[in-house]
Protein backbone atom coordinates (compact mmCIF):
# COMPACT_ATOMS: atom_id res chain seq x y z
CA UNK A 1 12.29 -30.64 -5.05
CA UNK A 2 12.88 -27.98 -7.72
CA UNK A 3 13.67 -24.35 -6.97
CA UNK A 4 10.12 -23.45 -8.07
CA UNK A 5 8.56 -25.91 -5.63
CA UNK A 6 10.86 -24.85 -2.79
CA UNK A 7 10.08 -21.20 -3.38
CA UNK A 8 6.35 -21.86 -3.53
CA UNK A 9 6.55 -23.85 -0.29
CA UNK A 10 8.70 -21.49 1.81
CA UNK A 11 8.05 -17.99 0.46
CA UNK A 12 4.59 -17.31 2.01
CA UNK A 13 6.13 -17.59 5.46
CA UNK A 14 9.17 -15.41 4.74
CA UNK A 15 7.46 -12.70 2.63
CA UNK A 16 6.51 -10.33 5.48
CA UNK A 17 10.05 -10.30 6.85
CA UNK A 18 11.56 -9.79 3.39
CA UNK A 19 9.33 -6.84 2.49
CA UNK A 20 8.81 -4.87 5.71
CA UNK A 21 12.17 -4.29 7.37
CA UNK A 22 14.47 -3.25 4.52
CA UNK A 23 14.08 -1.22 1.33
CA UNK A 24 16.92 -3.09 -0.41
CA UNK A 25 15.77 -6.53 0.71
CA UNK A 26 12.23 -5.76 -0.47
CA UNK A 27 13.38 -4.70 -3.94
CA UNK A 28 15.73 -7.67 -4.33
CA UNK A 29 12.92 -10.02 -3.28
CA UNK A 30 10.54 -8.56 -5.86
CA UNK A 31 13.10 -8.83 -8.66
CA UNK A 32 14.10 -12.41 -7.82
CA UNK A 33 10.50 -13.62 -7.53
CA UNK A 34 9.56 -11.89 -10.79
CA UNK A 35 12.48 -13.46 -12.64
CA UNK A 36 11.75 -16.90 -11.21
CA UNK A 37 8.08 -16.61 -12.16
CA UNK A 38 8.93 -15.72 -15.76
CA UNK A 39 11.36 -18.65 -15.92
CA UNK A 40 8.68 -20.92 -14.46
CA UNK A 41 6.18 -19.81 -17.12
CA UNK A 42 8.65 -20.55 -19.92
CA UNK A 43 9.73 -23.86 -18.34
CA UNK A 44 6.14 -25.07 -17.98
CA UNK A 45 5.04 -23.38 -21.23
CA UNK A 46 2.09 -21.80 -19.43
CA UNK A 47 1.19 -18.11 -19.47
CA UNK A 48 -2.19 -18.10 -17.67
CA UNK A 49 -2.64 -14.33 -17.31
CA UNK A 50 -2.53 -12.87 -20.83
CA UNK A 51 -6.30 -12.47 -21.08
CA UNK A 52 -6.67 -10.63 -17.78
CA UNK A 53 -8.04 -7.14 -18.47
CA UNK A 54 -5.85 -5.47 -15.86
CA UNK A 55 -2.74 -7.11 -17.40
CA UNK A 56 -3.66 -5.66 -20.79
CA UNK A 57 -3.89 -2.26 -19.10
CA UNK A 58 -0.41 -2.78 -17.67
CA UNK A 59 0.94 -3.60 -21.13
CA UNK A 60 -0.52 -0.38 -22.56
CA UNK A 61 0.93 1.65 -19.69
CA UNK A 62 4.43 0.18 -20.06
CA UNK A 63 4.39 0.62 -23.85
CA UNK A 64 3.40 4.24 -23.38
CA UNK A 65 6.20 4.81 -20.87
CA UNK A 66 8.86 3.05 -22.93
CA UNK A 67 7.99 4.29 -26.40
CA UNK A 68 6.41 7.73 -26.00
CA UNK A 69 7.02 9.14 -22.54
CA UNK A 70 10.70 8.18 -22.60
CA UNK A 71 11.20 9.60 -26.09
CA UNK A 72 9.82 12.98 -24.95
CA UNK A 73 11.54 12.91 -21.56
CA UNK A 74 14.09 15.52 -20.46
CA UNK A 75 16.32 12.47 -19.80
CA UNK A 76 15.22 9.78 -22.30
CA UNK A 77 17.75 7.12 -21.25
CA UNK A 78 16.92 7.30 -17.55
CA UNK A 79 13.17 7.34 -18.19
CA UNK A 80 13.45 4.36 -20.53
CA UNK A 81 15.33 2.31 -17.93
CA UNK A 82 12.73 3.10 -15.27
CA UNK A 83 9.93 2.35 -17.75
CA UNK A 84 11.25 -1.16 -18.25
CA UNK A 85 11.89 -1.65 -14.54
CA UNK A 86 8.22 -0.93 -13.77
CA UNK A 87 7.32 -4.34 -15.21
CA UNK A 88 8.63 -6.08 -12.09
CA UNK A 89 5.69 -4.87 -10.01
CA UNK A 90 2.81 -6.45 -11.98
CA UNK A 91 4.88 -9.58 -12.59
CA UNK A 92 5.43 -9.84 -8.83
CA UNK A 93 1.65 -9.60 -8.29
CA UNK A 94 1.04 -12.27 -10.93
CA UNK A 95 3.60 -14.52 -9.22
CA UNK A 96 1.65 -14.19 -5.97
CA UNK A 97 -1.60 -15.10 -7.71
CA UNK A 98 -0.62 -17.89 -10.07
CA UNK A 99 2.30 -19.43 -8.18
CA UNK A 100 2.88 -18.61 -4.52
CA UNK A 101 -0.68 -18.48 -3.13
CA UNK A 102 -2.47 -21.42 -4.68
CA UNK A 103 -3.75 -23.38 -1.66
CA UNK A 104 -5.03 -22.90 1.87
CA UNK A 105 -1.70 -23.75 3.47
CA UNK A 106 0.07 -20.88 1.72
CA UNK A 107 -2.51 -18.42 3.08
CA UNK A 108 -2.16 -19.96 6.56
CA UNK A 109 1.64 -19.67 6.48
CA UNK A 110 1.50 -16.08 5.29
CA UNK A 111 -1.08 -15.15 7.95
CA UNK A 112 0.93 -16.73 10.77
CA UNK A 113 4.13 -15.06 9.60
CA UNK A 114 2.48 -11.66 9.14
CA UNK A 115 0.99 -11.91 12.62
CA UNK A 116 4.41 -12.65 14.15
CA UNK A 117 6.19 -9.93 12.16
CA UNK A 118 3.46 -7.41 13.01
CA UNK A 119 3.89 -8.12 16.72
CA UNK A 120 7.67 -7.63 16.42
CA UNK A 121 7.11 -4.43 14.44
CA UNK A 122 4.65 -3.03 16.98
CA UNK A 123 6.83 -4.08 19.93
CA UNK A 124 9.71 -2.01 18.58
CA UNK A 125 7.42 0.94 17.76
CA UNK A 126 6.07 1.03 21.29
CA UNK A 127 9.58 0.58 22.69
CA UNK A 128 10.65 3.65 20.70
CA UNK A 129 7.67 5.61 21.99
CA UNK A 130 7.82 4.67 25.67
CA UNK A 131 11.43 3.72 26.45
CA UNK A 132 14.11 4.60 23.90
CA UNK A 133 13.59 6.44 20.58
CA UNK A 134 16.46 4.50 19.00
CA UNK A 135 14.53 1.21 19.26
CA UNK A 136 15.32 -2.16 20.77
CA UNK A 137 18.66 -2.56 18.96
CA UNK A 138 19.46 1.15 18.66
CA UNK A 139 19.03 1.50 14.87
CA UNK A 140 15.83 3.56 14.80
CA UNK A 141 17.01 7.00 15.91
CA UNK A 142 15.98 9.81 13.54
CA UNK A 143 16.27 13.60 13.45
CA UNK A 144 12.53 14.33 13.28
CA UNK A 145 10.68 15.57 16.36
CA UNK A 146 7.78 13.36 17.53
CA UNK A 147 8.36 10.81 14.77
CA UNK A 148 9.07 7.08 15.08
CA UNK A 149 11.00 4.90 12.63
CA UNK A 150 10.54 1.58 10.89
CA UNK A 151 12.13 -0.97 13.26
CA UNK A 152 15.88 -1.44 12.73
CA UNK A 153 16.08 1.57 10.36
CA UNK A 154 15.82 5.37 10.62
CA UNK A 155 13.05 5.66 7.98
CA UNK A 156 10.14 7.62 9.42
CA UNK A 157 7.35 5.76 7.59
CA UNK A 158 6.28 2.98 10.02
CA UNK A 159 2.67 4.21 10.07
CA UNK A 160 2.21 3.52 6.36
CA UNK A 161 3.35 -0.09 6.85
CA UNK A 162 1.10 -0.54 9.88
CA UNK A 163 -1.84 0.75 7.85
CA UNK A 164 -1.20 -1.46 4.83
CA UNK A 165 -0.39 -4.68 6.64
CA UNK A 166 -3.11 -4.41 9.31
CA UNK A 167 -5.79 -4.32 6.62
CA UNK A 168 -4.00 -7.08 4.69
CA UNK A 169 -3.92 -9.16 7.87
CA UNK A 170 -7.70 -8.74 8.21
CA UNK A 171 -8.27 -9.68 4.56
CA UNK A 172 -6.22 -12.88 4.78
CA UNK A 173 -7.84 -13.74 8.13
CA UNK A 174 -11.30 -13.45 6.57
CA UNK A 175 -10.25 -15.32 3.41
CA UNK A 176 -8.62 -18.30 5.06
CA UNK A 177 -11.59 -18.79 7.38
CA UNK A 178 -14.07 -18.56 4.52
CA UNK A 179 -12.02 -21.03 2.50
CA UNK A 180 -12.32 -23.53 5.37
CA UNK A 181 -15.97 -22.63 6.06
CA UNK A 182 -14.97 -21.67 9.62
CA UNK A 183 -16.70 -18.97 11.58
CA UNK A 184 -14.44 -16.16 12.65
CA UNK A 185 -14.75 -13.62 15.42
CA UNK A 186 -15.52 -10.14 14.07
CA UNK A 187 -14.14 -8.70 17.30
CA UNK A 188 -10.68 -9.82 16.17
CA UNK A 189 -10.93 -7.44 13.22
CA UNK A 190 -12.00 -4.61 15.52
CA UNK A 191 -9.06 -5.43 17.80
CA UNK A 192 -6.67 -5.12 14.83
CA UNK A 193 -8.32 -1.81 13.93
CA UNK A 194 -7.88 -0.51 17.47
CA UNK A 195 -4.24 -1.57 17.91
CA UNK A 196 -3.23 -0.36 14.45
CA UNK A 197 -4.99 3.00 14.88
CA UNK A 198 -3.33 3.68 18.23
CA UNK A 199 0.06 2.54 16.92
CA UNK A 200 -0.15 4.77 13.84
CA UNK A 201 -1.22 7.64 16.11
CA UNK A 202 1.97 7.44 18.18
CA UNK A 203 4.22 7.33 15.08
CA UNK A 204 3.37 10.98 14.43
CA UNK A 205 2.46 10.31 10.78
CA UNK A 206 -0.46 12.60 10.09
CA UNK A 207 -1.24 11.36 6.58
CA UNK A 208 -1.05 7.68 7.54
CA UNK A 209 -3.39 8.24 10.49
CA UNK A 210 -5.93 10.10 8.36
CA UNK A 211 -5.81 7.44 5.62
CA UNK A 212 -6.12 4.59 8.11
CA UNK A 213 -8.91 6.20 10.11
CA UNK A 214 -10.86 7.01 6.95
CA UNK A 215 -10.44 3.43 5.74
CA UNK A 216 -11.83 2.16 9.04
CA UNK A 217 -14.84 4.48 8.78
CA UNK A 218 -15.52 3.33 5.21
CA UNK A 219 -15.18 -0.37 6.01
CA UNK A 220 -17.32 -0.31 9.17
CA UNK A 221 -20.06 1.71 7.45
CA UNK A 222 -20.06 -0.78 4.56
CA UNK A 223 -20.18 -3.72 6.99
CA UNK A 224 -23.20 -2.24 8.79
CA UNK A 225 -25.06 -2.08 5.47
CA UNK A 226 -24.76 -5.88 5.21
CA UNK A 227 -25.02 -6.77 8.90
CA UNK A 228 -26.84 -4.52 11.38
CA UNK A 229 -26.00 -6.95 14.23
CA UNK A 230 -22.43 -5.63 14.27
CA UNK A 231 -23.60 -2.18 15.37
CA UNK A 232 -22.92 -2.71 19.11
CA UNK A 233 -19.28 -3.93 18.83
CA UNK A 234 -18.54 -1.16 16.31
CA UNK A 235 -19.84 1.50 18.72
CA UNK A 236 -17.71 -0.01 21.51
CA UNK A 237 -14.68 0.16 19.20
CA UNK A 238 -15.19 3.87 18.53
CA UNK A 239 -15.71 4.59 22.24
CA UNK A 240 -12.43 2.85 23.11
CA UNK A 241 -10.54 4.69 20.36
CA UNK A 242 -12.02 8.01 21.44
CA UNK A 243 -11.08 7.36 25.07
CA UNK A 244 -7.49 6.68 24.07
CA UNK A 245 -7.26 9.83 21.94
CA UNK A 246 -8.70 11.93 24.76
CA UNK A 247 -6.33 10.42 27.31
CA UNK A 248 -3.38 11.13 25.02
CA UNK A 249 -3.97 14.85 25.62
CA UNK A 250 -2.72 14.30 29.17
CA UNK A 251 -0.23 11.50 28.47
CA UNK A 252 1.64 13.08 25.54
CA UNK A 253 0.14 16.32 24.29
CA UNK A 254 2.92 16.82 21.69
CA UNK A 255 1.85 13.66 19.84
CA UNK A 256 -1.83 14.59 20.12
CA UNK A 257 -1.07 18.04 18.75
CA UNK A 258 0.95 16.69 15.82
CA UNK A 259 -1.40 13.89 14.79
CA UNK A 260 -4.79 15.47 15.50
CA UNK A 261 -4.62 19.25 15.85
CA UNK A 262 -1.86 19.75 13.26
CA UNK A 263 -3.66 17.45 10.81
CA UNK A 264 -6.85 19.47 11.16
CA UNK A 265 -4.95 22.72 10.65
CA UNK A 266 -3.23 21.42 7.52
CA UNK A 267 -6.49 20.19 6.00
CA UNK A 268 -8.31 23.46 6.68
CA UNK A 269 -5.35 25.54 5.45
CA UNK A 270 -4.13 23.18 2.74
CA UNK A 271 -3.11 25.77 0.14
CA UNK A 272 -0.79 27.67 2.49
CA UNK A 273 0.56 24.55 4.24
CA UNK A 274 3.80 22.74 3.39
CA UNK A 275 1.76 20.08 1.57
CA UNK A 276 -0.08 22.77 -0.37
CA UNK A 277 3.19 24.30 -1.54
CA UNK A 278 4.44 20.91 -2.73
CA UNK A 279 1.15 20.25 -4.56
CA UNK A 280 1.24 23.67 -6.23
CA UNK A 281 4.87 23.14 -7.27
CA UNK A 282 3.88 19.77 -8.76
CA UNK A 283 1.04 21.44 -10.63
CA UNK A 284 3.47 23.98 -12.09
CA UNK A 285 5.78 21.14 -13.16
CA UNK A 286 2.88 19.40 -14.91
CA UNK A 287 2.02 22.55 -16.88
CA UNK A 288 5.31 22.17 -18.79
CA UNK A 289 3.93 19.17 -20.67
CA UNK A 290 0.27 18.54 -19.89
CA UNK A 291 -0.27 15.44 -22.03
CA UNK A 292 3.05 13.56 -21.87
CA UNK A 293 4.84 14.89 -18.77
CA UNK A 294 8.53 15.57 -18.29
CA UNK A 295 9.59 11.92 -18.21
CA UNK A 296 9.37 9.04 -15.75
CA UNK A 297 11.68 9.47 -12.72
CA UNK A 298 12.44 13.08 -13.68
CA UNK A 299 10.35 14.91 -11.07
CA UNK A 300 13.26 16.70 -9.37
CA UNK A 301 14.63 17.89 -12.75
CA UNK A 302 11.37 19.30 -14.14
CA UNK A 303 10.90 23.06 -13.86
CA UNK A 304 10.26 24.73 -11.50
CA UNK A 305 13.04 23.09 -9.51
CA UNK A 306 12.32 25.03 -6.32
CA UNK A 307 9.22 26.02 -4.36
CA UNK A 308 8.33 29.70 -4.26
CA UNK A 309 6.15 29.42 -1.15
CA UNK A 310 6.89 30.69 2.33
CA UNK A 311 7.38 27.26 3.94
CA UNK A 312 9.66 25.63 1.36
CA UNK A 313 11.03 28.84 -0.12
CA UNK A 314 13.87 28.07 -2.58
CA UNK A 315 13.85 24.42 -1.48
CA UNK A 316 14.15 21.65 -4.06
CA UNK A 317 11.07 19.41 -3.85
CA UNK A 318 12.05 15.70 -4.17
CA UNK A 319 8.61 14.31 -5.04
CA UNK A 320 4.94 15.30 -5.25
CA UNK A 321 3.68 13.58 -2.05
CA UNK A 322 0.67 12.58 -4.14
CA UNK A 323 0.48 9.79 -6.70
CA UNK A 324 -1.69 11.52 -9.37
CA UNK A 325 0.38 14.74 -9.19
CA UNK A 326 3.57 12.70 -9.48
CA UNK A 327 2.16 10.88 -12.51
CA UNK A 328 0.98 14.13 -14.09
CA UNK A 329 4.36 15.82 -13.71
CA UNK A 330 6.32 12.82 -15.01
CA UNK A 331 3.93 11.02 -17.39
CA UNK A 332 1.28 13.63 -18.17
CA UNK A 333 -2.47 13.24 -18.48
CA UNK A 334 -2.08 10.19 -20.70
CA UNK A 335 0.12 8.39 -18.16
CA UNK A 336 -2.27 9.20 -15.32
CA UNK A 337 -5.26 7.81 -17.24
CA UNK A 338 -3.42 4.65 -18.30
CA UNK A 339 -2.17 3.95 -14.78
CA UNK A 340 -5.56 4.41 -13.16
CA UNK A 341 -7.08 2.25 -15.87
CA UNK A 342 -5.06 -0.57 -14.25
CA UNK A 343 -6.56 0.26 -10.85
CA UNK A 344 -10.06 0.59 -12.35
CA UNK A 345 -9.80 -2.88 -13.91
CA UNK A 346 -8.65 -4.32 -10.58
CA UNK A 347 -11.65 -2.75 -8.81
CA UNK A 348 -13.92 -4.06 -11.56
CA UNK A 349 -12.44 -7.55 -11.11
CA UNK A 350 -13.11 -7.49 -7.36
CA UNK A 351 -16.76 -6.56 -7.89
CA UNK A 352 -17.18 -9.12 -10.68
CA UNK A 353 -15.55 -12.10 -8.96
CA UNK A 354 -16.42 -11.52 -5.29
CA UNK A 355 -20.03 -10.46 -5.68
CA UNK A 356 -22.59 -11.95 -3.34
CA UNK A 357 -23.61 -11.63 0.30
CA UNK A 358 -21.36 -14.46 1.48
CA UNK A 359 -18.23 -12.74 0.18
CA UNK A 360 -19.10 -9.15 1.08
CA UNK A 361 -16.27 -8.91 3.64
CA UNK A 362 -13.73 -10.08 1.06
CA UNK A 363 -15.05 -7.42 -1.32
CA UNK A 364 -14.91 -4.66 1.30
CA UNK A 365 -11.37 -5.41 2.46
CA UNK A 366 -10.03 -5.97 -1.05
CA UNK A 367 -11.36 -2.57 -2.10
CA UNK A 368 -10.06 -1.09 1.15
CA UNK A 369 -6.51 -2.15 0.32
CA UNK A 370 -6.77 -0.56 -3.12
CA UNK A 371 -8.17 2.57 -1.45
CA UNK A 372 -5.24 2.79 0.98
CA UNK A 373 -2.62 2.35 -1.72
CA UNK A 374 -4.05 4.18 -4.73
CA UNK A 375 -6.87 6.58 -3.81
CA UNK A 376 -6.06 9.78 -5.75
CA UNK A 377 -6.66 12.29 -2.94
CA UNK A 378 -4.25 10.67 -0.49
CA UNK A 379 -0.77 11.92 0.19
CA UNK A 380 1.70 9.40 -1.14
CA UNK A 381 5.35 8.75 -1.75
CA UNK A 382 6.91 9.09 -5.16
CA UNK A 383 5.71 6.80 -7.94
CA UNK A 384 9.03 4.94 -8.01
CA UNK A 385 9.27 4.37 -4.23
CA UNK A 386 10.48 0.76 -4.28
CA UNK A 387 9.81 -0.04 -0.63
CA UNK A 388 6.17 1.05 -0.61
CA UNK A 389 5.57 -0.34 -4.11
CA UNK A 390 6.72 -3.78 -2.97
CA UNK A 391 4.00 -3.84 -0.30
CA UNK A 392 1.35 -2.28 -2.58
CA UNK A 393 1.86 -4.82 -5.36
CA UNK A 394 2.02 -7.65 -2.82
CA UNK A 395 -1.46 -6.55 -1.75
CA UNK A 396 -2.65 -6.65 -5.35
CA UNK A 397 -1.16 -10.12 -5.76
CA UNK A 398 -2.93 -11.45 -2.68
CA UNK A 399 -6.25 -9.94 -3.76
CA UNK A 400 -5.85 -11.67 -7.12
CA UNK A 401 -4.87 -14.93 -5.40
CA UNK A 402 -7.98 -14.80 -3.19
CA UNK A 403 -10.15 -14.17 -6.24
CA UNK A 404 -8.45 -17.02 -8.09
CA UNK A 405 -8.85 -19.46 -5.20
CA UNK A 406 -12.47 -18.43 -4.59
CA UNK A 407 -13.27 -18.90 -8.28
CA UNK A 408 -11.73 -22.38 -8.35
CA UNK A 409 -13.71 -23.45 -5.29
CA UNK A 410 -16.92 -22.08 -6.79
CA UNK A 411 -16.34 -23.91 -10.08
CA UNK A 412 -15.55 -27.12 -8.16
CA UNK A 413 -18.87 -26.94 -6.32
CA UNK A 414 -20.79 -26.42 -9.57
CA UNK A 415 -19.20 -29.52 -11.04
């Protein structure tokens, strides 16, 4: 059994563990898989993705970063290195599509593994919340009030992972059952929604809760358009969620205040909030070079270096907390357009390949994942955040793999 076959056989089961619990392990995994996939393509003399429209968009984006944005950067060498390193993300997605997820068993293995890892993740989160803030093994203590950490680390971003992987779990659950022509229980999806919403709520991550809750609203509204019979279980879901949120006022008011009341206050007073100050500082950075930006990975070095607002007064802002603003400051208007051209072509591909009433759930959840990761109005981490990028581009890879597998099955039936 060659290294390519072994990797294809074992990786779907180990992927969730490799990507969720460690920033370093996630980045190493992405690099190794990308390198192996390129070697596999050369070894087999097959490059099956060159005609994909979204891949062509990626090529244009990377060429722009490497040849133009880097040349005009305030630190050309550093920007050039990061321009070249960006290529690992789309290659990783292509590896998922054309190599790792090619049959039903790979989807089954990934689903089973993700379910196990999610339970471990949530167990530690709830242990932090109810018993010991340092987690089961004592590695999760952090210095932020009313915030929980990713299990076995002190990184206060567990809600973002719960949001991404809960929707991904639903997508793979739907896909693997449709592949086998099995009926699945819609209540299982609502159960995932309920558990993930409550779990994100207790992490204290305002942005993650808002993003996740909005994604649930969008998906359930879209589902009702196709199937009115799901109205009753959806109403029950919202009643249960509302009951939990109301009870949290008495159980832990500090968490309720941070996640609900504080979120509302920040949205209604966005300009004067800490987020507003960061966004305005990012806008000022972008004004230095509207079309080409200050250079990839140069956000902290682009003027103005410090915020002039009351909240972050004279504080150096590390990143824009918003993907479009980060792209504008570093890559300019041209970089923003080229990057979102990639996302547009992915959305277009989903609509083109998964159209039809029978696949409407696959369409909804595929678009939902892209919404969670790339919707312009969301708060976000920096563009070069390796840990989050690993999960985001895994999601893209699995969407592409589902499209690829669905297309092959459709063609097989026609023949």
